[in-house]
Amino acid sequence: MIGIQAYLQRILKYADCSSECYVIILVYFDRLAMAHKDCFLTSKNVHRMLITSILLAAKVRDDKYYNNQHYAAIGGITATEMNHLELQLLTLLDFNLFVTPEAYQQYERNLLQFPRDERTDTFMSIRA
């Protein structure tokens, strides 16, 4: 299995989505955690959560985005599974994908507070 840092780098390289999408997925993760206390990110689901969240964020935020098959290829899953995961995450989020400008700014500020590793240009907490 690919490590989380390598997986994020793969998404960054091939998803070609705006930087705002990476902030938006944090909002989605928090909404999911608040609405479904029994839902946890684990080593078995974090990769699928990331690729699905990026897909949704790109569809909501970006004017141009790839189709589900492209995201599936990035994520190393089938297009059928990608479609299923998209619907599942939409349902879990109660189809609430809108992020207010205020919420976006707060999450962006929080993210920018993490120290960066200048050698790898990643947030140090991601490498853990």
C-alpha atoms as a PDB file:
ATOM      1  CA  MET A   1       0.000   0.000   0.000  1.00  0.00           C
ATOM      2  CA  ILE A   2       1.224   3.495  -0.820  1.00  0.00           C
ATOM      3  CA  GLY A   3       1.990   5.766   2.124  1.00  0.00           C
ATOM      4  CA  ILE A   4      -0.161   8.799   2.813  1.00  0.00           C
ATOM      5  CA  GLN A   5       2.546  11.326   1.889  1.00  0.00           C
ATOM      6  CA  ALA A   6       3.215   9.640  -1.460  1.00  0.00           C
ATOM      7  CA  TYR A   7      -0.523   9.395  -2.067  1.00  0.00           C
ATOM      8  CA  LEU A   8      -1.030  13.106  -1.418  1.00  0.00           C
ATOM      9  CA  GLN A   9       1.871  13.920  -3.715  1.00  0.00           C
ATOM     10  CA  ARG A  10       0.278  11.725  -6.392  1.00  0.00           C
ATOM     11  CA  ILE A  11      -3.005  13.618  -6.033  1.00  0.00           C
ATOM     12  CA  LEU A  12      -1.187  16.957  -6.176  1.00  0.00           C
ATOM     13  CA  LYS A  13       0.630  15.892  -9.340  1.00  0.00           C
ATOM     14  CA  TYR A  14      -2.251  14.393 -11.320  1.00  0.00           C
ATOM     15  CA  ALA A  15      -5.526  15.883 -10.044  1.00  0.00           C
ATOM     16  CA  ASP A  16      -4.613  19.368 -11.258  1.00  0.00           C
ATOM     17  CA  CYS A  17      -7.188  20.997  -9.012  1.00  0.00           C
ATOM     18  CA  SER A  18      -7.000  24.387  -7.380  1.00  0.00           C
ATOM     19  CA  SER A  19      -5.258  24.839  -4.048  1.00  0.00           C
ATOM     20  CA  GLU A  20      -8.630  25.800  -2.581  1.00  0.00           C
ATOM     21  CA  CYS A  21      -9.760  22.197  -2.987  1.00  0.00           C
ATOM     22  CA  TYR A  22      -7.240  21.059  -0.397  1.00  0.00           C
ATOM     23  CA  VAL A  23      -8.667  23.456   2.153  1.00  0.00           C
ATOM     24  CA  ILE A  24     -12.226  22.470   1.284  1.00  0.00           C
ATOM     25  CA  ILE A  25     -11.579  18.786   1.941  1.00  0.00           C
ATOM     26  CA  LEU A  26     -10.656  19.670   5.517  1.00  0.00           C
ATOM     27  CA  VAL A  27     -14.105  21.203   5.914  1.00  0.00           C
ATOM     28  CA  TYR A  28     -15.645  18.015   4.514  1.00  0.00           C
ATOM     29  CA  PHE A  29     -13.615  15.857   6.904  1.00  0.00           C
ATOM     30  CA  ASP A  30     -14.759  17.928   9.882  1.00  0.00           C
ATOM     31  CA  ARG A  31     -18.391  17.867   8.769  1.00  0.00           C
ATOM     32  CA  LEU A  32     -18.217  14.124   8.412  1.00  0.00           C
ATOM     33  CA  ALA A  33     -16.647  13.725  11.855  1.00  0.00           C
ATOM     34  CA  MET A  34     -19.283  15.950  13.482  1.00  0.00           C
ATOM     35  CA  ALA A  35     -22.264  14.337  11.753  1.00  0.00           C
ATOM     36  CA  HIS A  36     -21.095  10.746  12.105  1.00  0.00           C
ATOM     37  CA  LYS A  37     -19.299  10.167  15.397  1.00  0.00           C
ATOM     38  CA  ASP A  38     -18.853   6.498  14.475  1.00  0.00           C
ATOM     39  CA  CYS A  39     -17.017   7.368  11.251  1.00  0.00           C
ATOM     40  CA  PHE A  40     -13.220   7.444  11.574  1.00  0.00           C
ATOM     41  CA  LEU A  41     -10.315   7.953   9.223  1.00  0.00           C
ATOM     42  CA  THR A  42      -8.172   4.839   9.340  1.00  0.00           C
ATOM     43  CA  SER A  43      -5.264   3.449   7.377  1.00  0.00           C
ATOM     44  CA  LYS A  44      -7.838   1.343   5.514  1.00  0.00           C
ATOM     45  CA  ASN A  45     -10.057   4.214   4.327  1.00  0.00           C
ATOM     46  CA  VAL A  46      -7.975   7.405   4.342  1.00  0.00           C
ATOM     47  CA  HIS A  47      -6.791   7.007   0.731  1.00  0.00           C
ATOM     48  CA  ARG A  48     -10.326   6.565  -0.583  1.00  0.00           C
ATOM     49  CA  MET A  49     -11.575   9.459   1.544  1.00  0.00           C
ATOM     50  CA  LEU A  50      -8.880  11.747   0.159  1.00  0.00           C
ATOM     51  CA  ILE A  51      -9.455  10.972  -3.516  1.00  0.00           C
ATOM     52  CA  THR A  52     -13.237  11.150  -3.127  1.00  0.00           C
ATOM     53  CA  SER A  53     -13.078  14.425  -1.220  1.00  0.00           C
ATOM     54  CA  ILE A  54     -10.770  15.953  -3.821  1.00  0.00           C
ATOM     55  CA  LEU A  55     -13.114  14.841  -6.588  1.00  0.00           C
ATOM     56  CA  LEU A  56     -16.086  16.500  -4.869  1.00  0.00           C
ATOM     57  CA  ALA A  57     -14.178  19.666  -3.995  1.00  0.00           C
ATOM     58  CA  ALA A  58     -12.941  20.029  -7.577  1.00  0.00           C
ATOM     59  CA  LYS A  59     -16.440  19.573  -8.964  1.00  0.00           C
ATOM     60  CA  VAL A  60     -17.790  22.229  -6.612  1.00  0.00           C
ATOM     61  CA  ARG A  61     -14.910  24.714  -6.743  1.00  0.00           C
ATOM     62  CA  ASP A  62     -13.126  24.448 -10.073  1.00  0.00           C
ATOM     63  CA  ASP A  63     -14.475  25.433 -13.469  1.00  0.00           C
ATOM     64  CA  LYS A  64     -12.484  22.665 -15.122  1.00  0.00           C
ATOM     65  CA  TYR A  65     -12.081  19.246 -13.558  1.00  0.00           C
ATOM     66  CA  TYR A  66     -11.480  15.691 -14.692  1.00  0.00           C
ATOM     67  CA  ASN A  67     -14.088  12.959 -14.885  1.00  0.00           C
ATOM     68  CA  ASN A  68     -14.501  10.274 -12.251  1.00  0.00           C
ATOM     69  CA  GLN A  69     -12.483   7.774 -14.278  1.00  0.00           C
ATOM     70  CA  HIS A  70      -9.440  10.061 -14.110  1.00  0.00           C
ATOM     71  CA  TYR A  71      -9.713  10.427 -10.336  1.00  0.00           C
ATOM     72  CA  ALA A  72     -10.173   6.667 -10.042  1.00  0.00           C
ATOM     73  CA  ALA A  73      -6.923   6.128 -11.953  1.00  0.00           C
ATOM     74  CA  ILE A  74      -5.122   8.568  -9.660  1.00  0.00           C
ATOM     75  CA  GLY A  75      -6.525   6.765  -6.640  1.00  0.00           C
ATOM     76  CA  GLY A  76      -5.778   3.265  -7.897  1.00  0.00           C
ATOM     77  CA  ILE A  77      -9.427   2.183  -7.844  1.00  0.00           C
ATOM     78  CA  THR A  78     -12.003   1.350 -10.481  1.00  0.00           C
ATOM     79  CA  ALA A  79     -14.331   3.947 -11.961  1.00  0.00           C
ATOM     80  CA  THR A  80     -17.259   1.965 -10.558  1.00  0.00           C
ATOM     81  CA  GLU A  81     -15.826   2.188  -7.047  1.00  0.00           C
ATOM     82  CA  MET A  82     -15.115   5.907  -7.533  1.00  0.00           C
ATOM     83  CA  ASN A  83     -18.747   6.488  -8.515  1.00  0.00           C
ATOM     84  CA  HIS A  84     -19.927   4.513  -5.494  1.00  0.00           C
ATOM     85  CA  LEU A  85     -17.600   6.392  -3.129  1.00  0.00           C
ATOM     86  CA  GLU A  86     -18.753   9.732  -4.523  1.00  0.00           C
ATOM     87  CA  LEU A  87     -22.398   8.925  -3.855  1.00  0.00           C
ATOM     88  CA  GLN A  88     -21.578   7.497  -0.430  1.00  0.00           C
ATOM     89  CA  LEU A  89     -19.658  10.612   0.641  1.00  0.00           C
ATOM     90  CA  LEU A  90     -22.343  12.908  -0.762  1.00  0.00           C
ATOM     91  CA  THR A  91     -24.914  11.017   1.281  1.00  0.00           C
ATOM     92  CA  LEU A  92     -22.810  11.145   4.444  1.00  0.00           C
ATOM     93  CA  LEU A  93     -22.377  14.893   3.970  1.00  0.00           C
ATOM     94  CA  ASP A  94     -26.114  15.235   3.323  1.00  0.00           C
ATOM     95  CA  PHE A  95     -25.185  16.714  -0.075  1.00  0.00           C
ATOM     96  CA  ASN A  96     -23.934  19.830   1.746  1.00  0.00           C
ATOM     97  CA  LEU A  97     -20.792  20.750  -0.176  1.00  0.00           C
ATOM     98  CA  PHE A  98     -21.032  24.528   0.049  1.00  0.00           C
ATOM     99  CA  VAL A  99     -18.328  26.194   2.140  1.00  0.00           C
ATOM    100  CA  THR A 100     -18.886  29.775   3.215  1.00  0.00           C
ATOM    101  CA  PRO A 101     -16.076  32.255   2.612  1.00  0.00           C
ATOM    102  CA  GLU A 102     -15.737  32.693   6.388  1.00  0.00           C
ATOM    103  CA  ALA A 103     -15.384  28.959   7.003  1.00  0.00           C
ATOM    104  CA  TYR A 104     -12.913  28.675   4.141  1.00  0.00           C
ATOM    105  CA  GLN A 105     -10.767  31.490   5.560  1.00  0.00           C
ATOM    106  CA  GLN A 106     -10.777  29.923   9.027  1.00  0.00           C
ATOM    107  CA  TYR A 107      -9.667  26.521   7.734  1.00  0.00           C
ATOM    108  CA  GLU A 108      -7.036  28.124   5.534  1.00  0.00           C
ATOM    109  CA  ARG A 109      -5.643  30.066   8.510  1.00  0.00           C
ATOM    110  CA  ASN A 110      -5.579  26.901  10.602  1.00  0.00           C
ATOM    111  CA  LEU A 111      -3.794  24.984   7.864  1.00  0.00           C
ATOM    112  CA  LEU A 112      -1.193  27.693   7.360  1.00  0.00           C
ATOM    113  CA  GLN A 113      -0.283  27.535  11.047  1.00  0.00           C
ATOM    114  CA  PHE A 114       1.302  24.097  10.553  1.00  0.00           C
ATOM    115  CA  PRO A 115       5.075  24.227  10.166  1.00  0.00           C
ATOM    116  CA  ARG A 116       6.379  23.397   6.702  1.00  0.00           C
ATOM    117  CA  ASP A 117       9.327  21.232   5.798  1.00  0.00           C
ATOM    118  CA  GLU A 118      11.192  23.402   3.292  1.00  0.00           C
ATOM    119  CA  ARG A 119      13.117  20.410   1.895  1.00  0.00           C
ATOM    120  CA  THR A 120      10.000  18.594   0.744  1.00  0.00           C
ATOM    121  CA  ASP A 121       7.569  21.554   0.564  1.00  0.00           C
ATOM    122  CA  THR A 122       5.025  19.656   2.655  1.00  0.00           C
ATOM    123  CA  PHE A 123       3.389  20.301   5.969  1.00  0.00           C
ATOM    124  CA  MET A 124       5.387  18.481   8.623  1.00  0.00           C
ATOM    125  CA  SER A 125       2.275  16.949  10.180  1.00  0.00           C
ATOM    126  CA  ILE A 126       1.425  15.154   6.904  1.00  0.00           C
ATOM    127  CA  ARG A 127       4.618  13.127   7.069  1.00  0.00           C
ATOM    128  CA  ALA A 128       3.666  11.442  10.331  1.00  0.00           C
END
